[in-house]
Structure formats: structure tokens, C-alpha cells
């Protein structure tokens, strides 16, 4: 029965480490995405929109 507790504790610890890793990775990716979206997709002028240009 003692060996079963070691296995259970090991699996729980691996699960906690995985969850912490995913949270840290997600936070980093969120910052990268926010930076990318702020820099790459600038708001275009209304004069350049096709809707406002006469045909």
C-alpha cells in the first residue's frame, strides 16, 4: 500500500507542475499576442476605405 501512495503523490506533483507550466506559458503568449496585435494591425484612415471612395 505504501508504493501506491508514492505513485499517487508523483502523479499529483507532475499534474501541478504541468498546470503551473501551462499558466506561465499562456501568460507569456498572451503578452506576445498583445504586442503583435498592437504593432501589426494599425487602424487605417477612413479616407482609404472602399466604402468612402466614390466609384
Protein backbone atom coordinates (compact mmCIF):
# COMPACT_ATOMS: atom_id res chain seq x y z
CA UNK A 1 0.00 0.00 0.00
CA UNK A 2 2.98 2.28 0.61
CA UNK A 3 4.07 2.09 -3.02
CA UNK A 4 0.64 3.22 -4.17
CA UNK A 5 0.94 6.48 -2.22
CA UNK A 6 4.30 7.23 -3.83
CA UNK A 7 2.78 6.75 -7.27
CA UNK A 8 -0.24 8.90 -6.44
CA UNK A 9 1.90 11.68 -4.96
CA UNK A 10 4.20 11.58 -8.00
CA UNK A 11 1.31 11.87 -10.44
CA UNK A 12 -0.27 14.72 -8.45
CA UNK A 13 3.05 16.60 -8.36
CA UNK A 14 3.52 16.13 -12.11
CA UNK A 15 -0.01 17.45 -12.64
CA UNK A 16 0.67 20.54 -10.53
CA UNK A 17 3.95 21.19 -12.38
CA UNK A 18 2.14 20.84 -15.72
CA UNK A 19 -0.60 23.27 -14.68
CA UNK A 20 1.94 25.85 -13.47
CA UNK A 21 3.93 25.47 -16.70
CA UNK A 22 0.83 25.97 -18.84
CA UNK A 23 -0.24 29.05 -16.87
CA UNK A 24 3.20 30.65 -17.26
CA UNK A 25 3.34 29.76 -20.98
CA UNK A 26 -0.16 31.14 -21.56
CA UNK A 27 0.71 34.41 -19.81
CA UNK A 28 3.83 34.81 -21.97
CA UNK A 29 1.91 34.00 -25.16
CA UNK A 30 -0.80 36.49 -24.20
CA UNK A 31 1.81 39.26 -23.87
CA UNK A 32 3.35 38.31 -27.23
CA UNK A 33 -0.05 38.29 -28.94
CA UNK A 34 -1.00 41.65 -27.44
CA UNK A 35 2.28 43.17 -28.64
CA UNK A 36 1.82 41.65 -32.10
CA UNK A 37 -1.73 42.92 -32.45
CA UNK A 38 -0.81 46.40 -31.24
CA UNK A 39 2.11 46.71 -33.66
CA UNK A 40 0.90 44.91 -36.78
CA UNK A 41 -2.72 45.94 -37.14
CA UNK A 42 -2.89 49.69 -37.14
CA UNK A 43 -6.17 51.49 -37.68
CA UNK A 44 -6.49 52.63 -41.27
CA UNK A 45 -7.65 56.11 -42.21
CA UNK A 46 -11.28 56.45 -43.18
CA UNK A 47 -10.22 58.05 -46.47
CA UNK A 48 -8.69 54.79 -47.63
CA UNK A 49 -11.77 52.67 -47.01
CA UNK A 50 -13.50 51.41 -50.13
CA UNK A 51 -16.90 52.38 -48.77
CA UNK A 52 -15.99 56.08 -48.66
CA UNK A 53 -14.33 56.20 -52.08
CA UNK A 54 -16.63 57.06 -54.98
CA UNK A 55 -16.54 54.68 -57.91
